[in-house]
Amino acid sequence: LNQIEVWLSILARKLLRRGNFFSTADLKAQILSFIDYFN
């Protein structure tokens, strides 16, 4: 569970706090792109 918490905090710091999202589809696309980059 700890690794998931670390990954979610990275997601929040690097994407969610700095992002501008025009729709939920845009948010989903950016999260999926972040996952691809992170892996």
PDB file of N, CA and C in Angstrom:
ATOM      1  N   LEU A   1       0.831  -1.199   0.000  1.00  0.00           N
ATOM      2  CA  LEU A   1       0.000   0.000   0.000  1.00  0.00           C
ATOM      3  C   LEU A   1       0.868   1.253   0.000  1.00  0.00           C
ATOM      4  N   ASN A   2       2.004   1.210   0.591  1.00  0.00           N
ATOM      5  CA  ASN A   2       2.866   2.373   0.679  1.00  0.00           C
ATOM      6  C   ASN A   2       3.338   2.832  -0.699  1.00  0.00           C
ATOM      7  N   GLN A   3       3.653   1.917  -1.598  1.00  0.00           N
ATOM      8  CA  GLN A   3       4.101   2.297  -2.941  1.00  0.00           C
ATOM      9  C   GLN A   3       2.993   3.018  -3.702  1.00  0.00           C
ATOM     10  N   ILE A   4       1.760   2.605  -3.496  1.00  0.00           N
ATOM     11  CA  ILE A   4       0.630   3.270  -4.152  1.00  0.00           C
ATOM     12  C   ILE A   4       0.497   4.703  -3.642  1.00  0.00           C
ATOM     13  N   GLU A   5       0.662   4.887  -2.346  1.00  0.00           N
ATOM     14  CA  GLU A   5       0.583   6.233  -1.773  1.00  0.00           C
ATOM     15  C   GLU A   5       1.681   7.132  -2.334  1.00  0.00           C
ATOM     16  N   VAL A   6       2.869   6.598  -2.491  1.00  0.00           N
ATOM     17  CA  VAL A   6       3.978   7.374  -3.048  1.00  0.00           C
ATOM     18  C   VAL A   6       3.663   7.765  -4.485  1.00  0.00           C
ATOM     19  N   TRP A   7       3.183   6.819  -5.277  1.00  0.00           N
ATOM     20  CA  TRP A   7       2.877   7.098  -6.679  1.00  0.00           C
ATOM     21  C   TRP A   7       1.759   8.132  -6.802  1.00  0.00           C
ATOM     22  N   LEU A   8       0.730   8.010  -5.963  1.00  0.00           N
ATOM     23  CA  LEU A   8      -0.361   8.989  -6.019  1.00  0.00           C
ATOM     24  C   LEU A   8       0.111  10.383  -5.607  1.00  0.00           C
ATOM     25  N   SER A   9       1.043  10.462  -4.677  1.00  0.00           N
ATOM     26  CA  SER A   9       1.553  11.779  -4.296  1.00  0.00           C
ATOM     27  C   SER A   9       2.374  12.390  -5.432  1.00  0.00           C
ATOM     28  N   ILE A  10       3.114  11.563  -6.162  1.00  0.00           N
ATOM     29  CA  ILE A  10       3.851  12.055  -7.334  1.00  0.00           C
ATOM     30  C   ILE A  10       2.876  12.542  -8.395  1.00  0.00           C
ATOM     31  N   LEU A  11       1.827  11.770  -8.626  1.00  0.00           N
ATOM     32  CA  LEU A  11       0.795  12.166  -9.591  1.00  0.00           C
ATOM     33  C   LEU A  11       0.180  13.504  -9.192  1.00  0.00           C
ATOM     34  N   ALA A  12      -0.141  13.655  -7.937  1.00  0.00           N
ATOM     35  CA  ALA A  12      -0.762  14.900  -7.470  1.00  0.00           C
ATOM     36  C   ALA A  12       0.192  16.081  -7.616  1.00  0.00           C
ATOM     37  N   ARG A  13       1.458  15.890  -7.249  1.00  0.00           N
ATOM     38  CA  ARG A  13       2.419  16.995  -7.313  1.00  0.00           C
ATOM     39  C   ARG A  13       2.746  17.405  -8.736  1.00  0.00           C
ATOM     40  N   LYS A  14       2.960  16.432  -9.608  1.00  0.00           N
ATOM     41  CA  LYS A  14       3.457  16.753 -10.948  1.00  0.00           C
ATOM     42  C   LYS A  14       2.373  17.017 -11.975  1.00  0.00           C
ATOM     43  N   LEU A  15       1.186  16.476 -11.763  1.00  0.00           N
ATOM     44  CA  LEU A  15       0.153  16.617 -12.794  1.00  0.00           C
ATOM     45  C   LEU A  15      -1.056  17.394 -12.287  1.00  0.00           C
ATOM     46  N   LEU A  16      -1.630  16.962 -11.207  1.00  0.00           N
ATOM     47  CA  LEU A  16      -2.916  17.516 -10.794  1.00  0.00           C
ATOM     48  C   LEU A  16      -2.827  18.947 -10.289  1.00  0.00           C
ATOM     49  N   ARG A  17      -1.793  19.275  -9.553  1.00  0.00           N
ATOM     50  CA  ARG A  17      -1.683  20.636  -9.023  1.00  0.00           C
ATOM     51  C   ARG A  17      -1.313  21.650 -10.083  1.00  0.00           C
ATOM     52  N   ARG A  18      -0.596  21.230 -11.106  1.00  0.00           N
ATOM     53  CA  ARG A  18      -0.123  22.169 -12.129  1.00  0.00           C
ATOM     54  C   ARG A  18      -0.959  22.149 -13.398  1.00  0.00           C
ATOM     55  N   GLY A  19      -1.894  21.213 -13.492  1.00  0.00           N
ATOM     56  CA  GLY A  19      -2.609  21.023 -14.745  1.00  0.00           C
ATOM     57  C   GLY A  19      -3.822  21.910 -14.907  1.00  0.00           C
ATOM     58  N   ASN A  20      -4.121  22.184 -16.161  1.00  0.00           N
ATOM     59  CA  ASN A  20      -5.367  22.839 -16.537  1.00  0.00           C
ATOM     60  C   ASN A  20      -6.135  21.844 -17.385  1.00  0.00           C
ATOM     61  N   PHE A  21      -7.310  21.491 -16.927  1.00  0.00           N
ATOM     62  CA  PHE A  21      -8.088  20.462 -17.599  1.00  0.00           C
ATOM     63  C   PHE A  21      -9.391  21.077 -18.102  1.00  0.00           C
ATOM     64  N   PHE A  22      -9.679  20.814 -19.369  1.00  0.00           N
ATOM     65  CA  PHE A  22     -10.854  21.412 -19.991  1.00  0.00           C
ATOM     66  C   PHE A  22     -12.088  20.537 -19.854  1.00  0.00           C
ATOM     67  N   SER A  23     -11.883  19.251 -19.607  1.00  0.00           N
ATOM     68  CA  SER A  23     -13.003  18.329 -19.435  1.00  0.00           C
ATOM     69  C   SER A  23     -12.504  17.101 -18.702  1.00  0.00           C
ATOM     70  N   THR A  24     -13.419  16.251 -18.322  1.00  0.00           N
ATOM     71  CA  THR A  24     -13.006  15.011 -17.660  1.00  0.00           C
ATOM     72  C   THR A  24     -12.265  14.103 -18.633  1.00  0.00           C
ATOM     73  N   ALA A  25     -12.620  14.168 -19.917  1.00  0.00           N
ATOM     74  CA  ALA A  25     -11.908  13.367 -20.920  1.00  0.00           C
ATOM     75  C   ALA A  25     -10.463  13.850 -21.052  1.00  0.00           C
ATOM     76  N   ASP A  26     -10.254  15.160 -20.976  1.00  0.00           N
ATOM     77  CA  ASP A  26      -8.902  15.721 -21.025  1.00  0.00           C
ATOM     78  C   ASP A  26      -8.100  15.287 -19.798  1.00  0.00           C
ATOM     79  N   LEU A  27      -8.724  15.323 -18.626  1.00  0.00           N
ATOM     80  CA  LEU A  27      -8.069  14.872 -17.402  1.00  0.00           C
ATOM     81  C   LEU A  27      -7.671  13.405 -17.520  1.00  0.00           C
ATOM     82  N   LYS A  28      -8.581  12.585 -18.006  1.00  0.00           N
ATOM     83  CA  LYS A  28      -8.301  11.158 -18.169  1.00  0.00           C
ATOM     84  C   LYS A  28      -7.141  10.939 -19.139  1.00  0.00           C
ATOM     85  N   ALA A  29      -7.138  11.651 -20.252  1.00  0.00           N
ATOM     86  CA  ALA A  29      -6.072  11.507 -21.246  1.00  0.00           C
ATOM     87  C   ALA A  29      -4.722  11.908 -20.655  1.00  0.00           C
ATOM     88  N   GLN A  30      -4.693  12.984 -19.880  1.00  0.00           N
ATOM     89  CA  GLN A  30      -3.429  13.427 -19.293  1.00  0.00           C
ATOM     90  C   GLN A  30      -2.938  12.467 -18.217  1.00  0.00           C
ATOM     91  N   ILE A  31      -3.850  11.890 -17.449  1.00  0.00           N
ATOM     92  CA  ILE A  31      -3.445  10.902 -16.442  1.00  0.00           C
ATOM     93  C   ILE A  31      -2.901   9.657 -17.116  1.00  0.00           C
ATOM     94  N   LEU A  32      -3.551   9.190 -18.180  1.00  0.00           N
ATOM     95  CA  LEU A  32      -3.067   8.005 -18.889  1.00  0.00           C
ATOM     96  C   LEU A  32      -1.710   8.274 -19.539  1.00  0.00           C
ATOM     97  N   SER A  33      -1.528   9.464 -20.043  1.00  0.00           N
ATOM     98  CA  SER A  33      -0.234   9.817 -20.633  1.00  0.00           C
ATOM     99  C   SER A  33       0.845   9.890 -19.558  1.00  0.00           C
ATOM    100  N   PHE A  34       0.505  10.383 -18.369  1.00  0.00           N
ATOM    101  CA  PHE A  34       1.443  10.415 -17.248  1.00  0.00           C
ATOM    102  C   PHE A  34       1.827   8.991 -16.825  1.00  0.00           C
ATOM    103  N   ILE A  35       0.852   8.105 -16.806  1.00  0.00           N
ATOM    104  CA  ILE A  35       1.123   6.700 -16.456  1.00  0.00           C
ATOM    105  C   ILE A  35       2.076   6.082 -17.462  1.00  0.00           C
ATOM    106  N   ASP A  36       1.857   6.330 -18.738  1.00  0.00           N
ATOM    107  CA  ASP A  36       2.762   5.814 -19.769  1.00  0.00           C
ATOM    108  C   ASP A  36       4.170   6.371 -19.583  1.00  0.00           C
ATOM    109  N   TYR A  37       4.284   7.650 -19.300  1.00  0.00           N
ATOM    110  CA  TYR A  37       5.587   8.271 -19.097  1.00  0.00           C
ATOM    111  C   TYR A  37       6.266   7.713 -17.831  1.00  0.00           C
ATOM    112  N   PHE A  38       5.487   7.556 -16.772  1.00  0.00           N
ATOM    113  CA  PHE A  38       6.044   7.118 -15.506  1.00  0.00           C
ATOM    114  C   PHE A  38       6.548   5.682 -15.567  1.00  0.00           C
ATOM    115  N   ASN A  39       5.865   4.859 -16.344  1.00  0.00           N
ATOM    116  CA  ASN A  39       6.276   3.459 -16.452  1.00  0.00           C
ATOM    117  C   ASN A  39       7.441   3.377 -17.392  1.00  0.00           C
TER     118      ASN A  39
END
